PDB file of all heavy atoms in Angstrom:
ATOM      1  N   GLY A   1      36.630  92.693  21.844  1.00  0.00           N
ATOM      2  CA  GLY A   1      36.803  92.131  23.181  1.00  0.00           C
ATOM      3  C   GLY A   1      38.252  91.826  23.529  1.00  0.00           C
ATOM      4  O   GLY A   1      38.686  92.028  24.682  1.00  0.00           O
ATOM      5  N   ILE A   2      39.009  91.325  22.550  1.00  0.00           N
ATOM      6  CA  ILE A   2      40.418  91.010  22.808  1.00  0.00           C
ATOM      7  C   ILE A   2      41.194  92.281  23.136  1.00  0.00           C
ATOM      8  O   ILE A   2      42.064  92.288  24.024  1.00  0.00           O
ATOM      9  CB  ILE A   2      41.045  90.287  21.598  1.00  0.00           C
ATOM     10  CG1 ILE A   2      40.380  88.911  21.373  1.00  0.00           C
ATOM     11  CG2 ILE A   2      42.542  90.123  21.789  1.00  0.00           C
ATOM     12  CD1 ILE A   2      40.614  87.923  22.494  1.00  0.00           C
ATOM     13  N   ASP A   3      40.901  93.392  22.426  1.00  0.00           N
ATOM     14  CA  ASP A   3      41.569  94.665  22.719  1.00  0.00           C
ATOM     15  C   ASP A   3      41.271  95.132  24.149  1.00  0.00           C
ATOM     16  O   ASP A   3      42.161  95.596  24.873  1.00  0.00           O
ATOM     17  CB  ASP A   3      41.123  95.741  21.731  1.00  0.00           C
ATOM     18  CG  ASP A   3      41.580  95.460  20.312  1.00  0.00           C
ATOM     19  OD1 ASP A   3      42.635  94.810  20.158  1.00  0.00           O
ATOM     20  OD2 ASP A   3      40.878  95.858  19.367  1.00  0.00           O
ATOM     21  N   ILE A   4      40.003  95.004  24.549  1.00  0.00           N
ATOM     22  CA  ILE A   4      39.619  95.404  25.920  1.00  0.00           C
ATOM     23  C   ILE A   4      40.310  94.503  26.938  1.00  0.00           C
ATOM     24  O   ILE A   4      40.805  94.962  27.970  1.00  0.00           O
ATOM     25  CB  ILE A   4      38.086  95.354  26.090  1.00  0.00           C
ATOM     26  CG1 ILE A   4      37.418  96.391  25.176  1.00  0.00           C
ATOM     27  CG2 ILE A   4      37.699  95.608  27.542  1.00  0.00           C
ATOM     28  CD1 ILE A   4      35.893  96.337  25.195  1.00  0.00           C
ATOM     29  N   LEU A   5      40.341  93.198  26.617  1.00  0.00           N
ATOM     30  CA  LEU A   5      40.997  92.235  27.511  1.00  0.00           C
ATOM     31  C   LEU A   5      42.464  92.615  27.728  1.00  0.00           C
ATOM     32  O   LEU A   5      42.963  92.611  28.863  1.00  0.00           O
ATOM     33  CB  LEU A   5      40.884  90.823  26.929  1.00  0.00           C
ATOM     34  CG  LEU A   5      41.640  89.711  27.657  1.00  0.00           C
ATOM     35  CD1 LEU A   5      41.097  89.526  29.071  1.00  0.00           C
ATOM     36  CD2 LEU A   5      41.554  88.411  26.868  1.00  0.00           C
ATOM     37  N   LYS A   6      43.158  92.949  26.638  1.00  0.00           N
ATOM     38  CA  LYS A   6      44.566  93.333  26.749  1.00  0.00           C
ATOM     39  C   LYS A   6      44.725  94.576  27.622  1.00  0.00           C
ATOM     40  O   LYS A   6      45.626  94.651  28.465  1.00  0.00           O
ATOM     41  CB  LYS A   6      45.150  93.609  25.362  1.00  0.00           C
ATOM     42  CG  LYS A   6      45.321  92.379  24.485  1.00  0.00           C
ATOM     43  CD  LYS A   6      45.871  92.784  23.112  1.00  0.00           C
ATOM     44  CE  LYS A   6      46.041  91.583  22.202  1.00  0.00           C
ATOM     45  NZ  LYS A   6      46.523  91.978  20.850  1.00  0.00           N
ATOM     46  N   ALA A   7      43.837  95.556  27.421  1.00  0.00           N
ATOM     47  CA  ALA A   7      43.919  96.794  28.201  1.00  0.00           C
ATOM     48  C   ALA A   7      43.670  96.531  29.683  1.00  0.00           C
ATOM     49  O   ALA A   7      44.358  97.081  30.553  1.00  0.00           O
ATOM     50  CB  ALA A   7      42.912  97.816  27.661  1.00  0.00           C
ATOM     51  N   VAL A   8      42.687  95.679  29.972  1.00  0.00           N
ATOM     52  CA  VAL A   8      42.359  95.362  31.368  1.00  0.00           C
ATOM     53  C   VAL A   8      43.531  94.652  32.037  1.00  0.00           C
ATOM     54  O   VAL A   8      43.915  94.972  33.169  1.00  0.00           O
ATOM     55  CB  VAL A   8      41.080  94.493  31.439  1.00  0.00           C
ATOM     56  CG1 VAL A   8      40.893  93.919  32.838  1.00  0.00           C
ATOM     57  CG2 VAL A   8      39.861  95.316  31.042  1.00  0.00           C
ATOM     58  N   LYS A   9      44.107  93.674  31.333  1.00  0.00           N
ATOM     59  CA  LYS A   9      45.203  92.904  31.930  1.00  0.00           C
ATOM     60  C   LYS A   9      46.467  93.742  32.108  1.00  0.00           C
ATOM     61  O   LYS A   9      47.286  93.453  32.965  1.00  0.00           O
ATOM     62  CB  LYS A   9      45.502  91.673  31.067  1.00  0.00           C
ATOM     63  CG  LYS A   9      44.434  90.589  31.216  1.00  0.00           C
ATOM     64  CD  LYS A   9      44.297  90.177  32.664  1.00  0.00           C
ATOM     65  CE  LYS A   9      43.130  89.286  32.944  1.00  0.00           C
ATOM     66  NZ  LYS A   9      42.983  88.961  34.379  1.00  0.00           N
ATOM     67  N   GLN A  10      46.588  94.793  31.309  1.00  0.00           N
ATOM     68  CA  GLN A  10      47.742  95.669  31.460  1.00  0.00           C
ATOM     69  C   GLN A  10      47.563  96.625  32.638  1.00  0.00           C
ATOM     70  O   GLN A  10      48.499  96.863  33.404  1.00  0.00           O
ATOM     71  CB  GLN A  10      47.964  96.471  30.182  1.00  0.00           C
ATOM     72  CG  GLN A  10      49.165  97.415  30.266  1.00  0.00           C
ATOM     73  CD  GLN A  10      49.432  98.138  28.958  1.00  0.00           C
ATOM     74  OE1 GLN A  10      48.882  97.782  27.924  1.00  0.00           O
ATOM     75  NE2 GLN A  10      50.273  99.149  29.000  1.00  0.00           N
ATOM     76  N   ASP A  11      46.336  97.170  32.794  1.00  0.00           N
ATOM     77  CA  ASP A  11      46.103  98.192  33.817  1.00  0.00           C
ATOM     78  C   ASP A  11      45.639  97.601  35.148  1.00  0.00           C
ATOM     79  O   ASP A  11      46.045  98.074  36.212  1.00  0.00           O
ATOM     80  CB  ASP A  11      45.060  99.202  33.318  1.00  0.00           C
ATOM     81  CG  ASP A  11      45.532  99.949  32.080  1.00  0.00           C
ATOM     82  OD1 ASP A  11      46.760 100.068  31.903  1.00  0.00           O
ATOM     83  OD2 ASP A  11      44.678 100.377  31.288  1.00  0.00           O
ATOM     84  N   THR A  12      44.768  96.601  35.093  1.00  0.00           N
ATOM     85  CA  THR A  12      44.210  96.004  36.322  1.00  0.00           C
ATOM     86  C   THR A  12      44.222  94.482  36.185  1.00  0.00           C
ATOM     87  O   THR A  12      43.171  93.854  35.977  1.00  0.00           O
ATOM     88  CB  THR A  12      42.767  96.507  36.563  1.00  0.00           C
ATOM     89  OG1 THR A  12      42.005  96.341  35.358  1.00  0.00           O
ATOM     90  CG2 THR A  12      42.752  97.955  36.985  1.00  0.00           C
ATOM     91  N   PRO A  13      45.388  93.869  36.277  1.00  0.00           N
ATOM     92  CA  PRO A  13      45.521  92.436  35.979  1.00  0.00           C
ATOM     93  C   PRO A  13      44.777  91.514  36.940  1.00  0.00           C
ATOM     94  O   PRO A  13      44.553  90.349  36.629  1.00  0.00           O
ATOM     95  CB  PRO A  13      47.028  92.200  36.065  1.00  0.00           C
ATOM     96  CG  PRO A  13      47.534  93.293  36.945  1.00  0.00           C
ATOM     97  CD  PRO A  13      46.668  94.475  36.652  1.00  0.00           C
ATOM     98  N   ASN A  14      44.381  92.023  38.107  1.00  0.00           N
ATOM     99  CA  ASN A  14      43.710  91.151  39.081  1.00  0.00           C
ATOM    100  C   ASN A  14      42.227  90.937  38.805  1.00  0.00           C
ATOM    101  O   ASN A  14      41.578  90.131  39.472  1.00  0.00           O
ATOM    102  CB  ASN A  14      43.881  91.717  40.494  1.00  0.00           C
ATOM    103  CG  ASN A  14      45.296  91.551  41.005  1.00  0.00           C
ATOM    104  OD1 ASN A  14      46.012  90.652  40.574  1.00  0.00           O
ATOM    105  ND2 ASN A  14      45.714  92.417  41.909  1.00  0.00           N
ATOM    106  N   ILE A  15      41.662  91.662  37.819  1.00  0.00           N
ATOM    107  CA  ILE A  15      40.243  91.468  37.506  1.00  0.00           C
ATOM    108  C   ILE A  15      40.078  90.212  36.655  1.00  0.00           C
ATOM    109  O   ILE A  15      40.615  90.137  35.548  1.00  0.00           O
ATOM    110  CB  ILE A  15      39.666  92.681  36.728  1.00  0.00           C
ATOM    111  CG1 ILE A  15      39.787  93.954  37.541  1.00  0.00           C
ATOM    112  CG2 ILE A  15      38.210  92.425  36.358  1.00  0.00           C
ATOM    113  CD1 ILE A  15      39.278  95.188  36.808  1.00  0.00           C
ATOM    114  N   PRO A  16      39.337  89.207  37.122  1.00  0.00           N
ATOM    115  CA  PRO A  16      39.072  88.038  36.271  1.00  0.00           C
ATOM    116  C   PRO A  16      38.147  88.427  35.119  1.00  0.00           C
ATOM    117  O   PRO A  16      37.191  89.196  35.297  1.00  0.00           O
ATOM    118  CB  PRO A  16      38.376  87.051  37.215  1.00  0.00           C
ATOM    119  CG  PRO A  16      38.613  87.568  38.597  1.00  0.00           C
ATOM    120  CD  PRO A  16      38.757  89.052  38.466  1.00  0.00           C
ATOM    121  N   VAL A  17      38.441  87.914  33.923  1.00  0.00           N
ATOM    122  CA  VAL A  17      37.651  88.232  32.735  1.00  0.00           C
ATOM    123  C   VAL A  17      37.106  86.933  32.136  1.00  0.00           C
ATOM    124  O   VAL A  17      37.880  86.023  31.818  1.00  0.00           O
ATOM    125  CB  VAL A  17      38.491  88.980  31.678  1.00  0.00           C
ATOM    126  CG1 VAL A  17      37.631  89.291  30.442  1.00  0.00           C
ATOM    127  CG2 VAL A  17      39.070  90.262  32.267  1.00  0.00           C
ATOM    128  N   VAL A  18      35.783  86.852  32.014  1.00  0.00           N
ATOM    129  CA  VAL A  18      35.131  85.717  31.371  1.00  0.00           C
ATOM    130  C   VAL A  18      34.696  86.154  29.970  1.00  0.00           C
ATOM    131  O   VAL A  18      33.928  87.111  29.826  1.00  0.00           O
ATOM    132  CB  VAL A  18      33.916  85.223  32.177  1.00  0.00           C
ATOM    133  CG1 VAL A  18      33.191  84.109  31.420  1.00  0.00           C
ATOM    134  CG2 VAL A  18      34.362  84.729  33.553  1.00  0.00           C
ATOM    135  N   ILE A  19      35.197  85.481  28.950  1.00  0.00           N
ATOM    136  CA  ILE A  19      34.900  85.820  27.559  1.00  0.00           C
ATOM    137  C   ILE A  19      33.675  85.030  27.088  1.00  0.00           C
ATOM    138  O   ILE A  19      33.569  83.820  27.336  1.00  0.00           O
ATOM    139  CB  ILE A  19      36.094  85.498  26.645  1.00  0.00           C
ATOM    140  CG1 ILE A  19      37.299  86.385  26.997  1.00  0.00           C
ATOM    141  CG2 ILE A  19      35.737  85.654  25.178  1.00  0.00           C
ATOM    142  CD1 ILE A  19      37.114  87.840  26.666  1.00  0.00           C
ATOM    143  N   ILE A  20      32.739  85.708  26.389  1.00  0.00           N
ATOM    144  CA  ILE A  20      31.593  85.036  25.759  1.00  0.00           C
ATOM    145  C   ILE A  20      31.538  85.438  24.293  1.00  0.00           C
ATOM    146  O   ILE A  20      31.930  86.550  23.922  1.00  0.00           O
ATOM    147  CB  ILE A  20      30.257  85.392  26.450  1.00  0.00           C
ATOM    148  CG1 ILE A  20      30.017  86.904  26.454  1.00  0.00           C
ATOM    149  CG2 ILE A  20      30.211  84.841  27.866  1.00  0.00           C
ATOM    150  CD1 ILE A  20      28.654  87.300  27.004  1.00  0.00           C
ATOM    151  N   SER A  21      31.068  84.524  23.442  1.00  0.00           N
ATOM    152  CA  SER A  21      30.964  84.847  22.017  1.00  0.00           C
ATOM    153  C   SER A  21      29.997  83.900  21.327  1.00  0.00           C
ATOM    154  O   SER A  21      29.961  82.704  21.618  1.00  0.00           O
ATOM    155  CB  SER A  21      32.338  84.755  21.344  1.00  0.00           C
ATOM    156  OG  SER A  21      32.205  84.989  19.951  1.00  0.00           O
ATOM    157  N   GLY A  22      29.225  84.477  20.410  1.00  0.00           N
ATOM    158  CA  GLY A  22      28.327  83.648  19.600  1.00  0.00           C
ATOM    159  C   GLY A  22      29.028  83.082  18.383  1.00  0.00           C
ATOM    160  O   GLY A  22      28.443  82.322  17.614  1.00  0.00           O
ATOM    161  N   HIS A  23      30.255  83.477  18.173  1.00  0.00           N
ATOM    162  CA  HIS A  23      31.010  82.998  17.014  1.00  0.00           C
ATOM    163  C   HIS A  23      32.243  82.243  17.486  1.00  0.00           C
ATOM    164  O   HIS A  23      33.293  82.307  16.877  1.00  0.00           O
ATOM    165  CB  HIS A  23      31.415  84.183  16.122  1.00  0.00           C
ATOM    166  CG  HIS A  23      30.282  85.101  15.819  1.00  0.00           C
ATOM    167  ND1 HIS A  23      29.365  84.840  14.832  1.00  0.00           N
ATOM    168  CD2 HIS A  23      29.911  86.274  16.398  1.00  0.00           C
ATOM    169  CE1 HIS A  23      28.473  85.822  14.809  1.00  0.00           C
ATOM    170  NE2 HIS A  23      28.787  86.703  15.749  1.00  0.00           N
ATOM    171  N   GLY A  24      32.110  81.594  18.607  1.00  0.00           N
ATOM    172  CA  GLY A  24      33.263  80.990  19.262  1.00  0.00           C
ATOM    173  C   GLY A  24      33.849  79.830  18.491  1.00  0.00           C
ATOM    174  O   GLY A  24      33.139  79.064  17.837  1.00  0.00           O
ATOM    175  N   ASN A  25      35.136  79.731  18.546  1.00  0.00           N
ATOM    176  CA  ASN A  25      35.849  78.569  18.046  1.00  0.00           C
ATOM    177  C   ASN A  25      37.114  78.418  18.878  1.00  0.00           C
ATOM    178  O   ASN A  25      37.445  79.266  19.707  1.00  0.00           O
ATOM    179  CB  ASN A  25      36.168  78.696  16.555  1.00  0.00           C
ATOM    180  CG  ASN A  25      36.896  79.983  16.244  1.00  0.00           C
ATOM    181  OD1 ASN A  25      37.834  80.349  16.937  1.00  0.00           O
ATOM    182  ND2 ASN A  25      36.447  80.681  15.202  1.00  0.00           N
ATOM    183  N   ILE A  26      37.843  77.347  18.664  1.00  0.00           N
ATOM    184  CA  ILE A  26      38.994  77.048  19.497  1.00  0.00           C
ATOM    185  C   ILE A  26      40.083  78.108  19.371  1.00  0.00           C
ATOM    186  O   ILE A  26      40.769  78.440  20.330  1.00  0.00           O
ATOM    187  CB  ILE A  26      39.542  75.645  19.168  1.00  0.00           C
ATOM    188  CG1 ILE A  26      40.608  75.234  20.199  1.00  0.00           C
ATOM    189  CG2 ILE A  26      40.118  75.604  17.757  1.00  0.00           C
ATOM    190  CD1 ILE A  26      40.104  75.146  21.607  1.00  0.00           C
ATOM    191  N   GLU A  27      40.217  78.702  18.150  1.00  0.00           N
ATOM    192  CA  GLU A  27      41.244  79.727  17.960  1.00  0.00           C
ATOM    193  C   GLU A  27      40.959  80.962  18.814  1.00  0.00           C
ATOM    194  O   GLU A  27      41.858  81.542  19.430  1.00  0.00           O
ATOM    195  CB  GLU A  27      41.342  80.129  16.483  1.00  0.00           C
ATOM    196  CG  GLU A  27      41.982  79.082  15.567  1.00  0.00           C
ATOM    197  CD  GLU A  27      41.012  77.958  15.210  1.00  0.00           C
ATOM    198  OE1 GLU A  27      39.799  78.127  15.461  1.00  0.00           O
ATOM    199  OE2 GLU A  27      41.467  76.913  14.711  1.00  0.00           O
ATOM    200  N   ILE A  28      39.681  81.367  18.848  1.00  0.00           N
ATOM    201  CA  ILE A  28      39.316  82.536  19.651  1.00  0.00           C
ATOM    202  C   ILE A  28      39.523  82.238  21.135  1.00  0.00           C
ATOM    203  O   ILE A  28      40.034  83.067  21.894  1.00  0.00           O
ATOM    204  CB  ILE A  28      37.852  82.942  19.382  1.00  0.00           C
ATOM    205  CG1 ILE A  28      37.694  83.429  17.933  1.00  0.00           C
ATOM    206  CG2 ILE A  28      37.404  84.027  20.354  1.00  0.00           C
ATOM    207  CD1 ILE A  28      36.269  83.751  17.550  1.00  0.00           C
ATOM    208  N   ALA A  29      39.121  81.040  21.541  1.00  0.00           N
ATOM    209  CA  ALA A  29      39.282  80.654  22.951  1.00  0.00           C
ATOM    210  C   ALA A  29      40.749  80.675  23.355  1.00  0.00           C
ATOM    211  O   ALA A  29      41.119  81.199  24.405  1.00  0.00           O
ATOM    212  CB  ALA A  29      38.687  79.266  23.184  1.00  0.00           C
ATOM    213  N   VAL A  30      41.603  80.101  22.490  1.00  0.00           N
ATOM    214  CA  VAL A  30      43.040  80.067  22.782  1.00  0.00           C
ATOM    215  C   VAL A  30      43.594  81.485  22.861  1.00  0.00           C
ATOM    216  O   VAL A  30      44.377  81.815  23.768  1.00  0.00           O
ATOM    217  CB  VAL A  30      43.788  79.249  21.709  1.00  0.00           C
ATOM    218  CG1 VAL A  30      45.298  79.445  21.840  1.00  0.00           C
ATOM    219  CG2 VAL A  30      43.440  77.767  21.831  1.00  0.00           C
ATOM    220  N   ALA A  31      43.169  82.353  21.897  1.00  0.00           N
ATOM    221  CA  ALA A  31      43.646  83.733  21.897  1.00  0.00           C
ATOM    222  C   ALA A  31      43.244  84.455  23.180  1.00  0.00           C
ATOM    223  O   ALA A  31      44.042  85.194  23.778  1.00  0.00           O
ATOM    224  CB  ALA A  31      43.108  84.474  20.677  1.00  0.00           C
ATOM    225  N   ALA A  32      42.012  84.225  23.630  1.00  0.00           N
ATOM    226  CA  ALA A  32      41.526  84.883  24.844  1.00  0.00           C
ATOM    227  C   ALA A  32      42.267  84.390  26.084  1.00  0.00           C
ATOM    228  O   ALA A  32      42.674  85.183  26.946  1.00  0.00           O
ATOM    229  CB  ALA A  32      40.020  84.638  25.001  1.00  0.00           C
ATOM    230  N   ILE A  33      42.455  83.080  26.186  1.00  0.00           N
ATOM    231  CA  ILE A  33      43.149  82.515  27.341  1.00  0.00           C
ATOM    232  C   ILE A  33      44.598  82.997  27.368  1.00  0.00           C
ATOM    233  O   ILE A  33      45.148  83.324  28.428  1.00  0.00           O
ATOM    234  CB  ILE A  33      43.094  80.971  27.325  1.00  0.00           C
ATOM    235  CG1 ILE A  33      41.640  80.476  27.436  1.00  0.00           C
ATOM    236  CG2 ILE A  33      43.937  80.387  28.444  1.00  0.00           C
ATOM    237  CD1 ILE A  33      40.958  80.834  28.733  1.00  0.00           C
ATOM    238  N   LYS A  34      45.244  83.064  26.199  1.00  0.00           N
ATOM    239  CA  LYS A  34      46.630  83.530  26.141  1.00  0.00           C
ATOM    240  C   LYS A  34      46.768  84.967  26.630  1.00  0.00           C
ATOM    241  O   LYS A  34      47.790  85.354  27.181  1.00  0.00           O
ATOM    242  CB  LYS A  34      47.161  83.425  24.712  1.00  0.00           C
ATOM    243  CG  LYS A  34      47.614  82.021  24.313  1.00  0.00           C
ATOM    244  CD  LYS A  34      48.244  82.036  22.929  1.00  0.00           C
ATOM    245  CE  LYS A  34      48.820  80.667  22.572  1.00  0.00           C
ATOM    246  NZ  LYS A  34      49.447  80.669  21.232  1.00  0.00           N
ATOM    247  N   GLN A  35      45.732  85.755  26.374  1.00  0.00           N
ATOM    248  CA  GLN A  35      45.774  87.155  26.796  1.00  0.00           C
ATOM    249  C   GLN A  35      45.382  87.336  28.255  1.00  0.00           C
ATOM    250  O   GLN A  35      45.350  88.459  28.757  1.00  0.00           O
ATOM    251  CB  GLN A  35      44.863  88.006  25.903  1.00  0.00           C
ATOM    252  CG  GLN A  35      45.313  88.088  24.457  1.00  0.00           C
ATOM    253  CD  GLN A  35      46.687  88.711  24.306  1.00  0.00           C
ATOM    254  OE1 GLN A  35      47.072  89.565  25.094  1.00  0.00           O
ATOM    255  NE2 GLN A  35      47.426  88.274  23.294  1.00  0.00           N
ATOM    256  N   GLY A  36      45.067  86.223  28.946  1.00  0.00           N
ATOM    257  CA  GLY A  36      44.808  86.310  30.388  1.00  0.00           C
ATOM    258  C   GLY A  36      43.369  86.150  30.804  1.00  0.00           C
ATOM    259  O   GLY A  36      43.034  86.380  31.973  1.00  0.00           O
TER     260      GLY A  36
END
């Protein structure tokens, strides 16, 4: 998901992306938010 997020933000940065995960923790959340 993070790889896809990076690709989306590079090519189409105006698309809002909501991340979901069953293995969520604060590190993953921070990584996702940092990537946009």
